[in-house]
Amino acid sequence: MTVDLPIAGLMSKDPVCVRTDQKISDVWQILVQGRIHHLPVVEGDRLVGIISTLDVAKLGICPLEDGHMLARQFLDGRLSVEQMMTRNVISISDRASVRDAARMLSAGGFHSLPVVNEHKRLVGIVTSTDLIAYLLDTLSTPAALA
């Protein structure tokens, strides 16, 4: 297993993002339809926050179910991405290694790391699921079994 592999070899490039001015109901729809759990929030291409499925689920309503137009209107009229997002995002440099990402994610409390370049521009995202898939893939290679 190559834990010193650059994170760029593991991260998802061009992650789906949202802007601070988008509607919460639209964010929920992106999360559900994209089957993803973390959305970086950007202004231009700069990372300013992150919003997760859990952040929206904590509201206790599902704005995508039929007949929930009032829930959508409530969400969109009362809350904004800027209000719900986590601002002090823990991110990782695009120069970091898989080992660095694993160390940060294993500390707990979050399951994704936006990947930024030296100008703090978002270039990718790596998740706990990405690391587990990499581990499984690496362990199934003939060299790892020897």
N, C-alpha and C. Protein backbone atom coordinates (compact mmCIF):
# COMPACT_ATOMS: atom_id res chain seq x y z
N MET A 1 0.85 -1.17 0.00
CA MET A 1 0.00 0.00 0.00
C MET A 1 0.90 1.23 0.00
N THR A 2 0.55 2.17 -0.83
CA THR A 2 1.33 3.39 -0.93
C THR A 2 0.61 4.51 -0.19
N VAL A 3 0.94 4.69 1.08
CA VAL A 3 0.30 5.74 1.85
C VAL A 3 0.90 7.10 1.55
N ASP A 4 2.03 7.10 0.87
CA ASP A 4 2.64 8.37 0.50
C ASP A 4 2.22 8.83 -0.89
N LEU A 5 1.23 8.14 -1.47
CA LEU A 5 0.64 8.56 -2.74
C LEU A 5 0.11 9.98 -2.57
N PRO A 6 0.37 10.87 -3.52
CA PRO A 6 -0.21 12.22 -3.42
C PRO A 6 -1.74 12.14 -3.41
N ILE A 7 -2.34 12.99 -2.62
CA ILE A 7 -3.79 12.98 -2.47
C ILE A 7 -4.49 13.23 -3.81
N ALA A 8 -3.80 13.89 -4.73
CA ALA A 8 -4.37 14.15 -6.05
C ALA A 8 -4.71 12.86 -6.78
N GLY A 9 -4.03 11.76 -6.46
CA GLY A 9 -4.32 10.48 -7.08
C GLY A 9 -5.54 9.79 -6.53
N LEU A 10 -6.08 10.29 -5.43
CA LEU A 10 -7.22 9.66 -4.77
C LEU A 10 -8.46 10.56 -4.76
N MET A 11 -8.27 11.85 -4.76
CA MET A 11 -9.39 12.78 -4.61
C MET A 11 -10.31 12.76 -5.82
N SER A 12 -11.55 13.19 -5.57
CA SER A 12 -12.48 13.43 -6.67
C SER A 12 -12.20 14.83 -7.17
N LYS A 13 -11.87 14.92 -8.44
CA LYS A 13 -11.59 16.23 -9.03
C LYS A 13 -12.89 16.90 -9.45
N ASP A 14 -12.90 18.19 -9.49
CA ASP A 14 -14.09 18.97 -9.87
C ASP A 14 -15.33 18.54 -9.09
N PRO A 15 -15.28 18.63 -7.76
CA PRO A 15 -16.44 18.20 -6.97
C PRO A 15 -17.64 19.10 -7.22
N VAL A 16 -18.81 18.55 -7.00
CA VAL A 16 -20.04 19.33 -7.07
C VAL A 16 -19.98 20.33 -5.92
N CYS A 17 -20.26 21.57 -6.22
CA CYS A 17 -20.21 22.65 -5.22
C CYS A 17 -21.50 23.44 -5.24
N VAL A 18 -21.68 24.24 -4.21
CA VAL A 18 -22.79 25.19 -4.18
C VAL A 18 -22.23 26.55 -3.82
N ARG A 19 -23.05 27.56 -4.08
CA ARG A 19 -22.70 28.94 -3.75
C ARG A 19 -23.52 29.38 -2.53
N THR A 20 -23.07 30.40 -1.89
CA THR A 20 -23.78 30.90 -0.70
C THR A 20 -25.17 31.44 -1.03
N ASP A 21 -25.41 31.82 -2.28
CA ASP A 21 -26.71 32.39 -2.63
C ASP A 21 -27.71 31.35 -3.13
N GLN A 22 -27.36 30.08 -3.11
CA GLN A 22 -28.31 29.05 -3.57
C GLN A 22 -29.34 28.74 -2.49
N LYS A 23 -30.49 28.22 -2.93
CA LYS A 23 -31.57 27.86 -2.01
C LYS A 23 -31.24 26.55 -1.30
N ILE A 24 -31.66 26.47 -0.04
CA ILE A 24 -31.45 25.25 0.75
C ILE A 24 -32.17 24.07 0.11
N SER A 25 -33.36 24.27 -0.42
CA SER A 25 -34.08 23.16 -1.05
C SER A 25 -33.32 22.65 -2.27
N ASP A 26 -32.65 23.54 -2.99
CA ASP A 26 -31.83 23.11 -4.12
C ASP A 26 -30.61 22.32 -3.65
N VAL A 27 -30.02 22.75 -2.55
CA VAL A 27 -28.88 22.04 -1.97
C VAL A 27 -29.31 20.62 -1.60
N TRP A 28 -30.46 20.52 -0.93
CA TRP A 28 -30.97 19.20 -0.54
C TRP A 28 -31.18 18.31 -1.77
N GLN A 29 -31.72 18.89 -2.82
CA GLN A 29 -31.95 18.14 -4.05
C GLN A 29 -30.63 17.65 -4.65
N ILE A 30 -29.61 18.49 -4.65
CA ILE A 30 -28.29 18.10 -5.15
C ILE A 30 -27.72 16.95 -4.31
N LEU A 31 -27.85 17.05 -3.01
CA LEU A 31 -27.34 15.99 -2.12
C LEU A 31 -28.05 14.67 -2.39
N VAL A 32 -29.37 14.70 -2.48
CA VAL A 32 -30.15 13.48 -2.66
C VAL A 32 -29.95 12.89 -4.05
N GLN A 33 -30.09 13.71 -5.08
CA GLN A 33 -29.99 13.19 -6.44
C GLN A 33 -28.56 12.78 -6.80
N GLY A 34 -27.59 13.47 -6.25
CA GLY A 34 -26.20 13.14 -6.54
C GLY A 34 -25.67 12.01 -5.67
N ARG A 35 -26.47 11.61 -4.67
CA ARG A 35 -26.07 10.56 -3.74
C ARG A 35 -24.71 10.88 -3.13
N ILE A 36 -24.57 12.13 -2.73
CA ILE A 36 -23.36 12.58 -2.07
C ILE A 36 -23.73 13.14 -0.70
N HIS A 37 -22.73 13.31 0.15
CA HIS A 37 -23.01 13.72 1.53
C HIS A 37 -22.38 15.06 1.92
N HIS A 38 -21.48 15.56 1.10
CA HIS A 38 -20.77 16.80 1.44
C HIS A 38 -20.67 17.70 0.23
N LEU A 39 -21.04 18.94 0.40
CA LEU A 39 -20.95 19.92 -0.68
C LEU A 39 -20.07 21.09 -0.24
N PRO A 40 -18.94 21.25 -0.89
CA PRO A 40 -18.15 22.45 -0.61
C PRO A 40 -18.94 23.68 -1.05
N VAL A 41 -18.81 24.74 -0.30
CA VAL A 41 -19.44 26.01 -0.63
C VAL A 41 -18.33 26.94 -1.11
N VAL A 42 -18.54 27.52 -2.28
CA VAL A 42 -17.50 28.36 -2.88
C VAL A 42 -18.04 29.74 -3.22
N GLU A 43 -17.13 30.66 -3.24
CA GLU A 43 -17.37 31.99 -3.81
C GLU A 43 -16.34 32.09 -4.92
N GLY A 44 -16.81 32.06 -6.16
CA GLY A 44 -15.89 31.91 -7.29
C GLY A 44 -15.34 30.50 -7.23
N ASP A 45 -14.02 30.38 -7.10
CA ASP A 45 -13.43 29.05 -6.94
C ASP A 45 -12.75 28.90 -5.58
N ARG A 46 -13.02 29.84 -4.67
CA ARG A 46 -12.44 29.80 -3.34
C ARG A 46 -13.39 29.12 -2.35
N LEU A 47 -12.85 28.21 -1.58
CA LEU A 47 -13.61 27.49 -0.56
C LEU A 47 -13.95 28.42 0.59
N VAL A 48 -15.26 28.51 0.92
CA VAL A 48 -15.68 29.36 2.03
C VAL A 48 -16.46 28.58 3.09
N GLY A 49 -16.83 27.34 2.78
CA GLY A 49 -17.59 26.55 3.74
C GLY A 49 -17.88 25.17 3.19
N ILE A 50 -18.64 24.42 3.97
CA ILE A 50 -19.10 23.09 3.55
C ILE A 50 -20.46 22.86 4.19
N ILE A 51 -21.32 22.16 3.47
CA ILE A 51 -22.65 21.81 3.98
C ILE A 51 -22.85 20.32 3.71
N SER A 52 -23.45 19.64 4.66
CA SER A 52 -23.61 18.19 4.53
C SER A 52 -25.08 17.78 4.59
N THR A 53 -25.31 16.55 4.22
CA THR A 53 -26.65 15.98 4.32
C THR A 53 -27.17 16.10 5.75
N LEU A 54 -26.31 15.84 6.71
CA LEU A 54 -26.70 15.92 8.11
C LEU A 54 -27.13 17.33 8.50
N ASP A 55 -26.44 18.34 7.99
CA ASP A 55 -26.81 19.73 8.29
C ASP A 55 -28.26 19.99 7.89
N VAL A 56 -28.65 19.53 6.71
CA VAL A 56 -30.02 19.76 6.22
C VAL A 56 -31.00 18.82 6.93
N ALA A 57 -30.60 17.58 7.17
CA ALA A 57 -31.48 16.62 7.82
C ALA A 57 -31.84 17.04 9.25
N LYS A 58 -30.95 17.76 9.90
CA LYS A 58 -31.21 18.22 11.27
C LYS A 58 -32.43 19.14 11.34
N LEU A 59 -32.85 19.66 10.21
CA LEU A 59 -34.04 20.53 10.18
C LEU A 59 -35.32 19.73 10.42
N GLY A 60 -35.26 18.42 10.20
CA GLY A 60 -36.40 17.56 10.49
C GLY A 60 -37.49 17.52 9.44
N ILE A 61 -37.24 18.11 8.28
CA ILE A 61 -38.21 18.05 7.19
C ILE A 61 -37.50 17.67 5.90
N CYS A 62 -38.24 17.01 5.03
CA CYS A 62 -37.68 16.60 3.75
C CYS A 62 -38.35 17.39 2.64
N PRO A 63 -37.68 18.38 2.09
CA PRO A 63 -38.32 19.24 1.11
C PRO A 63 -38.53 18.61 -0.26
N LEU A 64 -38.14 17.35 -0.44
CA LEU A 64 -38.29 16.71 -1.75
C LEU A 64 -39.52 15.83 -1.86
N GLU A 65 -40.15 15.51 -0.74
CA GLU A 65 -41.32 14.65 -0.79
C GLU A 65 -42.48 15.39 -1.44
N ASP A 66 -43.34 14.63 -2.12
CA ASP A 66 -44.53 15.23 -2.73
C ASP A 66 -45.36 15.93 -1.66
N GLY A 67 -45.92 17.06 -2.04
CA GLY A 67 -46.78 17.77 -1.11
C GLY A 67 -46.05 18.62 -0.10
N HIS A 68 -44.76 18.72 -0.22
CA HIS A 68 -44.00 19.50 0.76
C HIS A 68 -43.53 20.84 0.19
N MET A 69 -44.34 21.43 -0.64
CA MET A 69 -44.00 22.74 -1.20
C MET A 69 -43.86 23.76 -0.08
N LEU A 70 -44.68 23.65 0.96
CA LEU A 70 -44.57 24.57 2.09
C LEU A 70 -43.24 24.42 2.81
N ALA A 71 -42.76 23.18 2.91
CA ALA A 71 -41.46 22.95 3.54
C ALA A 71 -40.36 23.61 2.72
N ARG A 72 -40.44 23.48 1.41
CA ARG A 72 -39.44 24.12 0.54
C ARG A 72 -39.49 25.63 0.71
N GLN A 73 -40.69 26.19 0.71
CA GLN A 73 -40.82 27.64 0.85
C GLN A 73 -40.30 28.10 2.20
N PHE A 74 -40.58 27.31 3.25
CA PHE A 74 -40.09 27.65 4.58
C PHE A 74 -38.56 27.65 4.58
N LEU A 75 -37.97 26.57 4.07
CA LEU A 75 -36.50 26.49 4.04
C LEU A 75 -35.90 27.65 3.27
N ASP A 76 -36.42 27.87 2.10
CA ASP A 76 -35.84 28.89 1.23
C ASP A 76 -36.08 30.31 1.75
N GLY A 77 -37.17 30.50 2.49
CA GLY A 77 -37.47 31.83 3.01
C GLY A 77 -36.80 32.14 4.34
N ARG A 78 -36.45 31.11 5.08
CA ARG A 78 -35.93 31.31 6.43
C ARG A 78 -34.42 31.06 6.58
N LEU A 79 -33.88 30.23 5.72
CA LEU A 79 -32.48 29.82 5.88
C LEU A 79 -31.71 30.01 4.59
N SER A 80 -30.43 30.20 4.73
CA SER A 80 -29.58 30.31 3.57
C SER A 80 -28.40 29.35 3.72
N VAL A 81 -27.76 29.07 2.62
CA VAL A 81 -26.56 28.23 2.66
C VAL A 81 -25.54 28.88 3.58
N GLU A 82 -25.41 30.18 3.48
CA GLU A 82 -24.43 30.90 4.30
C GLU A 82 -24.71 30.71 5.79
N GLN A 83 -25.98 30.65 6.19
CA GLN A 83 -26.33 30.45 7.59
C GLN A 83 -26.07 29.01 8.04
N MET A 84 -26.27 28.05 7.15
CA MET A 84 -26.18 26.64 7.53
C MET A 84 -24.79 26.03 7.39
N MET A 85 -23.98 26.59 6.52
CA MET A 85 -22.69 25.97 6.23
C MET A 85 -21.73 26.07 7.41
N THR A 86 -20.82 25.14 7.45
CA THR A 86 -19.71 25.21 8.39
C THR A 86 -18.66 26.11 7.75
N ARG A 87 -18.26 27.14 8.46
CA ARG A 87 -17.34 28.12 7.90
C ARG A 87 -15.87 27.73 8.05
N ASN A 88 -15.49 27.31 9.20
CA ASN A 88 -14.09 26.98 9.45
C ASN A 88 -13.80 25.56 8.99
N VAL A 89 -13.75 25.40 7.69
CA VAL A 89 -13.61 24.09 7.08
C VAL A 89 -12.17 23.60 7.24
N ILE A 90 -12.05 22.37 7.67
CA ILE A 90 -10.74 21.74 7.69
C ILE A 90 -10.51 21.18 6.29
N SER A 91 -9.48 21.67 5.66
CA SER A 91 -9.17 21.24 4.30
C SER A 91 -7.76 20.67 4.27
N ILE A 92 -7.39 20.14 3.12
CA ILE A 92 -6.07 19.55 2.96
C ILE A 92 -5.44 20.10 1.69
N SER A 93 -4.14 20.25 1.72
CA SER A 93 -3.40 20.76 0.56
C SER A 93 -3.35 19.73 -0.55
N ASP A 94 -3.35 20.20 -1.79
CA ASP A 94 -3.22 19.29 -2.92
C ASP A 94 -1.82 18.66 -2.97
N ARG A 95 -0.93 19.10 -2.13
CA ARG A 95 0.42 18.52 -2.04
C ARG A 95 0.54 17.45 -0.96
N ALA A 96 -0.52 17.25 -0.20
CA ALA A 96 -0.52 16.28 0.89
C ALA A 96 -0.58 14.85 0.35
N SER A 97 -0.39 13.90 1.24
CA SER A 97 -0.40 12.48 0.88
C SER A 97 -1.66 11.80 1.41
N VAL A 98 -1.87 10.58 0.95
CA VAL A 98 -2.97 9.75 1.45
C VAL A 98 -2.82 9.57 2.95
N ARG A 99 -1.60 9.40 3.41
CA ARG A 99 -1.33 9.24 4.86
C ARG A 99 -1.84 10.49 5.61
N ASP A 100 -1.55 11.67 5.08
CA ASP A 100 -2.00 12.91 5.72
C ASP A 100 -3.53 12.96 5.81
N ALA A 101 -4.19 12.59 4.73
CA ALA A 101 -5.65 12.59 4.71
C ALA A 101 -6.21 11.59 5.71
N ALA A 102 -5.62 10.40 5.74
CA ALA A 102 -6.09 9.36 6.67
C ALA A 102 -5.92 9.83 8.12
N ARG A 103 -4.81 10.46 8.40
CA ARG A 103 -4.55 10.96 9.76
C ARG A 103 -5.61 12.02 10.14
N MET A 104 -5.90 12.91 9.22
CA MET A 104 -6.87 13.97 9.52
C MET A 104 -8.28 13.42 9.67
N LEU A 105 -8.68 12.52 8.78
CA LEU A 105 -10.03 11.97 8.85
C LEU A 105 -10.21 11.04 10.05
N SER A 106 -9.15 10.36 10.44
CA SER A 106 -9.27 9.45 11.58
C SER A 106 -9.39 10.18 12.91
N ALA A 107 -9.09 11.47 12.92
CA ALA A 107 -9.24 12.27 14.14
C ALA A 107 -10.71 12.40 14.53
N GLY A 108 -11.61 12.17 13.56
CA GLY A 108 -13.04 12.16 13.84
C GLY A 108 -13.70 13.52 13.72
N GLY A 109 -15.02 13.50 13.72
CA GLY A 109 -15.78 14.72 13.67
C GLY A 109 -16.22 15.14 12.28
N PHE A 110 -15.59 14.59 11.24
CA PHE A 110 -15.96 14.92 9.87
C PHE A 110 -15.52 13.77 8.96
N HIS A 111 -16.12 13.72 7.78
CA HIS A 111 -15.86 12.60 6.87
C HIS A 111 -15.44 13.03 5.48
N SER A 112 -15.09 14.29 5.33
CA SER A 112 -14.62 14.75 4.03
C SER A 112 -13.58 15.86 4.23
N LEU A 113 -12.70 15.94 3.26
CA LEU A 113 -11.68 16.98 3.25
C LEU A 113 -11.67 17.65 1.89
N PRO A 114 -12.10 18.89 1.82
CA PRO A 114 -11.91 19.61 0.57
C PRO A 114 -10.40 19.74 0.32
N VAL A 115 -10.01 19.61 -0.93
CA VAL A 115 -8.60 19.72 -1.31
C VAL A 115 -8.41 21.07 -1.97
N VAL A 116 -7.46 21.85 -1.45
CA VAL A 116 -7.22 23.19 -1.97
C VAL A 116 -5.77 23.35 -2.41
N ASN A 117 -5.56 24.26 -3.35
CA ASN A 117 -4.20 24.54 -3.79
C ASN A 117 -3.62 25.67 -2.93
N GLU A 118 -2.43 26.12 -3.28
CA GLU A 118 -1.75 27.13 -2.46
C GLU A 118 -2.48 28.47 -2.43
N HIS A 119 -3.42 28.69 -3.35
CA HIS A 119 -4.21 29.92 -3.37
C HIS A 119 -5.57 29.74 -2.71
N LYS A 120 -5.75 28.61 -2.01
CA LYS A 120 -7.00 28.27 -1.33
C LYS A 120 -8.15 28.05 -2.30
N ARG A 121 -7.82 27.71 -3.52
CA ARG A 121 -8.85 27.40 -4.52
C ARG A 121 -9.17 25.91 -4.44
N LEU A 122 -10.45 25.59 -4.47
CA LEU A 122 -10.89 24.21 -4.38
C LEU A 122 -10.51 23.46 -5.65
N VAL A 123 -9.80 22.34 -5.48
CA VAL A 123 -9.40 21.52 -6.63
C VAL A 123 -9.93 20.09 -6.54
N GLY A 124 -10.52 19.72 -5.39
CA GLY A 124 -11.04 18.37 -5.25
C GLY A 124 -11.61 18.14 -3.86
N ILE A 125 -11.99 16.89 -3.61
CA ILE A 125 -12.48 16.49 -2.29
C ILE A 125 -12.12 15.02 -2.09
N VAL A 126 -11.77 14.67 -0.87
CA VAL A 126 -11.50 13.28 -0.52
C VAL A 126 -12.34 12.96 0.71
N THR A 127 -12.92 11.76 0.71
CA THR A 127 -13.81 11.35 1.80
C THR A 127 -13.31 10.09 2.47
N SER A 128 -13.91 9.79 3.61
CA SER A 128 -13.59 8.54 4.30
C SER A 128 -13.86 7.35 3.39
N THR A 129 -14.92 7.43 2.62
CA THR A 129 -15.27 6.36 1.69
C THR A 129 -14.18 6.17 0.65
N ASP A 130 -13.60 7.27 0.15
CA ASP A 130 -12.50 7.18 -0.81
C ASP A 130 -11.31 6.43 -0.20
N LEU A 131 -11.00 6.74 1.06
CA LEU A 131 -9.87 6.08 1.72
C LEU A 131 -10.13 4.59 1.94
N ILE A 132 -11.35 4.26 2.33
CA ILE A 132 -11.68 2.84 2.54
C ILE A 132 -11.62 2.09 1.21
N ALA A 133 -12.15 2.67 0.14
CA ALA A 133 -12.09 2.04 -1.18
C ALA A 133 -10.64 1.84 -1.62
N TYR A 134 -9.79 2.83 -1.36
CA TYR A 134 -8.37 2.73 -1.71
C TYR A 134 -7.71 1.60 -0.91
N LEU A 135 -8.03 1.52 0.36
CA LEU A 135 -7.48 0.46 1.21
C LEU A 135 -7.91 -0.91 0.69
N LEU A 136 -9.18 -1.09 0.38
CA LEU A 136 -9.67 -2.36 -0.13
C LEU A 136 -9.03 -2.72 -1.47
N ASP A 137 -8.91 -1.74 -2.34
CA ASP A 137 -8.29 -1.96 -3.65
C ASP A 137 -6.83 -2.36 -3.49
N THR A 138 -6.14 -1.67 -2.61
CA THR A 138 -4.72 -1.95 -2.39
C THR A 138 -4.52 -3.32 -1.76
N LEU A 139 -5.38 -3.68 -0.83
CA LEU A 139 -5.25 -4.98 -0.17
C LEU A 139 -5.57 -6.15 -1.09
N SER A 140 -6.31 -5.89 -2.15
CA SER A 140 -6.66 -6.97 -3.07
C SER A 140 -5.64 -7.18 -4.19
N THR A 141 -4.59 -6.36 -4.22
CA THR A 141 -3.55 -6.55 -5.23
C THR A 141 -2.65 -7.70 -4.84
N PRO A 142 -2.07 -8.42 -5.82
CA PRO A 142 -1.19 -9.55 -5.52
C PRO A 142 -0.01 -9.19 -4.61
N ALA A 143 0.55 -8.00 -4.76
CA ALA A 143 1.70 -7.61 -3.93
C ALA A 143 1.29 -7.49 -2.46
N ALA A 144 0.07 -7.04 -2.20
CA ALA A 144 -0.39 -6.89 -0.83
C ALA A 144 -0.69 -8.23 -0.19
N LEU A 145 -1.00 -9.23 -1.00
CA LEU A 145 -1.33 -10.56 -0.47
C LEU A 145 -0.10 -11.41 -0.19
N ALA A 146 1.02 -11.01 -0.72
CA ALA A 146 2.25 -11.80 -0.55
C ALA A 146 2.84 -11.64 0.82
